[in-house]
Amino acid sequence: MTTVYSPQAKSWSPARESDAGNVQGVIGYHPGTATAWAQDDVVQMVKIPSGATVMDCVLETGALGSNVLASVGDGLGGTTARYITAQSVASAAVLRKNAVAAAGVPFTYSAEDTIDVVLSNANPTDNIAIRLDVFYICGVDTTP
């Protein structure tokens, strides 16, 4: 297992909206160029600021290969599938947050963190791009 970083997770600071309640989005894009993916790689895609509440996320991948699964989560408490549980990305895929149980959403971060993609179950095809769109708000109580 290796940790790989999208350019956004490596160098960008997470955005904080001064006007509480406005939905913000952050996009992590790993072009996959010259990337030798391996089973159980963790790809840190985007940074999320302290106090942010994630409302939705969408993962888009190219065909990562037979039997490859992708999960989306974070390092907070080791919840690697907080938003998207292991889903097949054998062919090009667009996956959205857990729609059935809506597990993990909304979730509010008490400290800055990254939202990550974990590639598991088989060795992914090299040089395939991954994109993750994350939508969040700051400063709003989302308790139902």
C-alpha atoms as a PDB file:
ATOM      1  CA  MET A   1       0.000   0.000   0.000  1.00  0.00           C
ATOM      2  CA  THR A   2       1.280   3.419  -0.975  1.00  0.00           C
ATOM      3  CA  THR A   3      -0.115   6.894  -0.398  1.00  0.00           C
ATOM      4  CA  VAL A   4      -0.388   8.866  -3.633  1.00  0.00           C
ATOM      5  CA  TYR A   5      -1.300  12.564  -3.755  1.00  0.00           C
ATOM      6  CA  SER A   6      -3.357  14.501  -6.268  1.00  0.00           C
ATOM      7  CA  PRO A   7      -1.817  17.909  -7.010  1.00  0.00           C
ATOM      8  CA  GLN A   8      -4.704  19.529  -5.085  1.00  0.00           C
ATOM      9  CA  ALA A   9      -4.214  17.459  -1.917  1.00  0.00           C
ATOM     10  CA  LYS A  10      -0.486  18.086  -1.995  1.00  0.00           C
ATOM     11  CA  SER A  11      -0.382  21.830  -2.438  1.00  0.00           C
ATOM     12  CA  TRP A  12      -3.801  23.492  -2.124  1.00  0.00           C
ATOM     13  CA  SER A  13      -5.278  24.828   1.076  1.00  0.00           C
ATOM     14  CA  PRO A  14      -8.932  24.004   1.676  1.00  0.00           C
ATOM     15  CA  ALA A  15     -11.336  26.863   1.054  1.00  0.00           C
ATOM     16  CA  ARG A  16     -13.379  28.393   3.852  1.00  0.00           C
ATOM     17  CA  GLU A  17     -16.359  30.493   2.918  1.00  0.00           C
ATOM     18  CA  SER A  18     -16.781  33.526   5.154  1.00  0.00           C
ATOM     19  CA  ASP A  19     -20.505  33.546   4.365  1.00  0.00           C
ATOM     20  CA  ALA A  20     -21.673  30.508   6.354  1.00  0.00           C
ATOM     21  CA  GLY A  21     -24.032  28.129   4.625  1.00  0.00           C
ATOM     22  CA  ASN A  22     -22.882  28.576   1.052  1.00  0.00           C
ATOM     23  CA  VAL A  23     -22.188  25.283  -0.671  1.00  0.00           C
ATOM     24  CA  GLN A  24     -18.591  24.998  -1.773  1.00  0.00           C
ATOM     25  CA  GLY A  25     -16.998  22.467  -4.013  1.00  0.00           C
ATOM     26  CA  VAL A  26     -13.482  21.197  -4.318  1.00  0.00           C
ATOM     27  CA  ILE A  27     -12.200  19.022  -7.123  1.00  0.00           C
ATOM     28  CA  GLY A  28      -9.320  16.606  -6.829  1.00  0.00           C
ATOM     29  CA  TYR A  29      -7.896  15.313 -10.075  1.00  0.00           C
ATOM     30  CA  HIS A  30      -5.087  12.810 -10.399  1.00  0.00           C
ATOM     31  CA  PRO A  31      -4.206  12.520 -14.081  1.00  0.00           C
ATOM     32  CA  GLY A  32      -2.745   9.061 -13.583  1.00  0.00           C
ATOM     33  CA  THR A  33       0.048   9.930 -15.995  1.00  0.00           C
ATOM     34  CA  ALA A  34       3.146   7.863 -15.278  1.00  0.00           C
ATOM     35  CA  THR A  35       1.398   6.323 -12.272  1.00  0.00           C
ATOM     36  CA  ALA A  36       1.970   2.675 -11.516  1.00  0.00           C
ATOM     37  CA  TRP A  37      -1.137   2.031  -9.399  1.00  0.00           C
ATOM     38  CA  ALA A  38      -0.982  -0.852  -6.912  1.00  0.00           C
ATOM     39  CA  GLN A  39      -3.584  -2.752  -4.926  1.00  0.00           C
ATOM     40  CA  ASP A  40      -4.578  -0.916  -1.731  1.00  0.00           C
ATOM     41  CA  ASP A  41      -3.136   2.418  -2.861  1.00  0.00           C
ATOM     42  CA  VAL A  42      -4.588   5.371  -0.957  1.00  0.00           C
ATOM     43  CA  VAL A  43      -4.979   8.424  -3.180  1.00  0.00           C
ATOM     44  CA  GLN A  44      -5.353  11.634  -1.162  1.00  0.00           C
ATOM     45  CA  MET A  45      -7.581  13.715  -3.425  1.00  0.00           C
ATOM     46  CA  VAL A  46      -8.729  16.903  -1.658  1.00  0.00           C
ATOM     47  CA  LYS A  47      -8.262  18.774   1.594  1.00  0.00           C
ATOM     48  CA  ILE A  48     -11.292  19.612   3.739  1.00  0.00           C
ATOM     49  CA  PRO A  49     -11.142  22.423   6.327  1.00  0.00           C
ATOM     50  CA  SER A  50     -11.963  22.077  10.000  1.00  0.00           C
ATOM     51  CA  GLY A  51     -15.669  22.758  10.565  1.00  0.00           C
ATOM     52  CA  ALA A  52     -16.711  21.713   7.053  1.00  0.00           C
ATOM     53  CA  THR A  53     -19.739  19.455   6.618  1.00  0.00           C
ATOM     54  CA  VAL A  54     -19.532  17.216   3.558  1.00  0.00           C
ATOM     55  CA  MET A  55     -22.916  17.018   1.841  1.00  0.00           C
ATOM     56  CA  ASP A  56     -22.115  15.044  -1.309  1.00  0.00           C
ATOM     57  CA  CYS A  57     -19.291  13.596  -3.380  1.00  0.00           C
ATOM     58  CA  VAL A  58     -18.886  12.125  -6.857  1.00  0.00           C
ATOM     59  CA  LEU A  59     -16.037   9.896  -8.030  1.00  0.00           C
ATOM     60  CA  GLU A  60     -15.189   9.520 -11.712  1.00  0.00           C
ATOM     61  CA  THR A  61     -12.598   7.046 -12.974  1.00  0.00           C
ATOM     62  CA  GLY A  62     -11.415   5.496 -16.177  1.00  0.00           C
ATOM     63  CA  ALA A  63     -11.415   1.705 -16.491  1.00  0.00           C
ATOM     64  CA  LEU A  64      -9.128   0.634 -13.649  1.00  0.00           C
ATOM     65  CA  GLY A  65      -9.283  -3.064 -14.459  1.00  0.00           C
ATOM     66  CA  SER A  66     -10.993  -6.322 -13.681  1.00  0.00           C
ATOM     67  CA  ASN A  67     -11.925  -6.826 -10.011  1.00  0.00           C
ATOM     68  CA  VAL A  68     -10.669  -3.380  -8.905  1.00  0.00           C
ATOM     69  CA  LEU A  69     -12.821  -1.690  -6.269  1.00  0.00           C
ATOM     70  CA  ALA A  70     -12.793   1.966  -5.219  1.00  0.00           C
ATOM     71  CA  SER A  71     -13.860   3.406  -1.863  1.00  0.00           C
ATOM     72  CA  VAL A  72     -14.027   7.051  -0.815  1.00  0.00           C
ATOM     73  CA  GLY A  73     -13.453   8.117   2.767  1.00  0.00           C
ATOM     74  CA  ASP A  74     -10.945   9.833   5.012  1.00  0.00           C
ATOM     75  CA  GLY A  75      -8.303   9.167   7.589  1.00  0.00           C
ATOM     76  CA  LEU A  76     -10.451  10.413  10.481  1.00  0.00           C
ATOM     77  CA  GLY A  77     -10.972   7.343  12.614  1.00  0.00           C
ATOM     78  CA  GLY A  78      -9.797   5.147   9.767  1.00  0.00           C
ATOM     79  CA  THR A  79     -13.097   5.486   7.890  1.00  0.00           C
ATOM     80  CA  THR A  80     -11.805   4.699   4.402  1.00  0.00           C
ATOM     81  CA  ALA A  81     -15.321   4.078   3.023  1.00  0.00           C
ATOM     82  CA  ARG A  82     -17.237   6.880   4.762  1.00  0.00           C
ATOM     83  CA  TYR A  83     -18.767   8.197   1.525  1.00  0.00           C
ATOM     84  CA  ILE A  84     -18.544   5.435  -1.084  1.00  0.00           C
ATOM     85  CA  THR A  85     -18.191   1.801  -0.090  1.00  0.00           C
ATOM     86  CA  ALA A  86     -16.149  -0.529  -2.295  1.00  0.00           C
ATOM     87  CA  GLN A  87     -17.610  -0.293  -5.812  1.00  0.00           C
ATOM     88  CA  SER A  88     -16.384  -1.812  -9.055  1.00  0.00           C
ATOM     89  CA  VAL A  89     -14.333   0.407 -11.349  1.00  0.00           C
ATOM     90  CA  ALA A  90     -13.485  -2.365 -13.824  1.00  0.00           C
ATOM     91  CA  SER A  91     -14.868  -0.134 -16.559  1.00  0.00           C
ATOM     92  CA  ALA A  92     -15.161   3.663 -16.574  1.00  0.00           C
ATOM     93  CA  ALA A  93     -17.398   4.679 -13.690  1.00  0.00           C
ATOM     94  CA  VAL A  94     -19.181   7.598 -12.084  1.00  0.00           C
ATOM     95  CA  LEU A  95     -20.030   6.837  -8.449  1.00  0.00           C
ATOM     96  CA  ARG A  96     -21.938   8.997  -5.989  1.00  0.00           C
ATOM     97  CA  LYS A  97     -22.038   8.962  -2.200  1.00  0.00           C
ATOM     98  CA  ASN A  98     -23.741   5.997  -0.563  1.00  0.00           C
ATOM     99  CA  ALA A  99     -27.256   6.539  -1.869  1.00  0.00           C
ATOM    100  CA  VAL A 100     -29.033   3.691  -0.105  1.00  0.00           C
ATOM    101  CA  ALA A 101     -28.122   4.264   3.528  1.00  0.00           C
ATOM    102  CA  ALA A 102     -26.533   7.684   3.006  1.00  0.00           C
ATOM    103  CA  ALA A 103     -23.936   6.485   5.487  1.00  0.00           C
ATOM    104  CA  GLY A 104     -21.462   9.139   6.519  1.00  0.00           C
ATOM    105  CA  VAL A 105     -23.326  12.048   4.969  1.00  0.00           C
ATOM    106  CA  PRO A 106     -23.528  14.676   6.216  1.00  0.00           C
ATOM    107  CA  PHE A 107     -20.339  14.505   8.247  1.00  0.00           C
ATOM    108  CA  THR A 108     -18.660  17.471   9.987  1.00  0.00           C
ATOM    109  CA  TYR A 109     -14.893  17.594  10.409  1.00  0.00           C
ATOM    110  CA  SER A 110     -13.463  18.752  13.723  1.00  0.00           C
ATOM    111  CA  ALA A 111      -9.993  19.146  12.181  1.00  0.00           C
ATOM    112  CA  GLU A 112      -8.581  19.594   8.683  1.00  0.00           C
ATOM    113  CA  ASP A 113      -8.440  16.277   6.827  1.00  0.00           C
ATOM    114  CA  THR A 114      -8.191  14.826   3.329  1.00  0.00           C
ATOM    115  CA  ILE A 115     -10.790  12.864   1.421  1.00  0.00           C
ATOM    116  CA  ASP A 116      -9.179   9.843  -0.132  1.00  0.00           C
ATOM    117  CA  VAL A 117      -9.832   7.133  -2.702  1.00  0.00           C
ATOM    118  CA  VAL A 118      -8.704   3.600  -1.854  1.00  0.00           C
ATOM    119  CA  LEU A 119      -8.112   1.202  -4.769  1.00  0.00           C
ATOM    120  CA  SER A 120      -8.507  -2.371  -3.524  1.00  0.00           C
ATOM    121  CA  ASN A 121      -9.100  -6.025  -4.368  1.00  0.00           C
ATOM    122  CA  ALA A 122      -6.728  -6.190  -7.385  1.00  0.00           C
ATOM    123  CA  ASN A 123      -3.879  -4.296  -9.043  1.00  0.00           C
ATOM    124  CA  PRO A 124      -5.360  -1.344 -10.963  1.00  0.00           C
ATOM    125  CA  THR A 125      -4.419  -0.568 -14.546  1.00  0.00           C
ATOM    126  CA  ASP A 126      -1.593   1.989 -14.644  1.00  0.00           C
ATOM    127  CA  ASN A 127      -1.912   5.549 -15.946  1.00  0.00           C
ATOM    128  CA  ILE A 128      -5.691   5.905 -15.426  1.00  0.00           C
ATOM    129  CA  ALA A 129      -7.125   9.242 -14.269  1.00  0.00           C
ATOM    130  CA  ILE A 130      -9.278   9.696 -11.154  1.00  0.00           C
ATOM    131  CA  ARG A 131     -11.462  12.730 -10.359  1.00  0.00           C
ATOM    132  CA  LEU A 132     -13.308  13.422  -7.098  1.00  0.00           C
ATOM    133  CA  ASP A 133     -15.804  16.274  -6.614  1.00  0.00           C
ATOM    134  CA  VAL A 134     -16.648  17.063  -2.989  1.00  0.00           C
ATOM    135  CA  PHE A 135     -19.406  19.482  -1.945  1.00  0.00           C
ATOM    136  CA  TYR A 136     -19.435  20.924   1.558  1.00  0.00           C
ATOM    137  CA  ILE A 137     -20.678  23.785   3.698  1.00  0.00           C
ATOM    138  CA  CYS A 138     -19.121  25.554   6.674  1.00  0.00           C
ATOM    139  CA  GLY A 139     -20.697  27.053   9.754  1.00  0.00           C
ATOM    140  CA  VAL A 140     -24.173  25.499   9.528  1.00  0.00           C
ATOM    141  CA  ASP A 141     -25.807  23.024  11.919  1.00  0.00           C
ATOM    142  CA  THR A 142     -26.880  20.058   9.777  1.00  0.00           C
ATOM    143  CA  THR A 143     -28.454  18.031  12.582  1.00  0.00           C
ATOM    144  CA  PRO A 144     -31.790  16.640  11.345  1.00  0.00           C
END
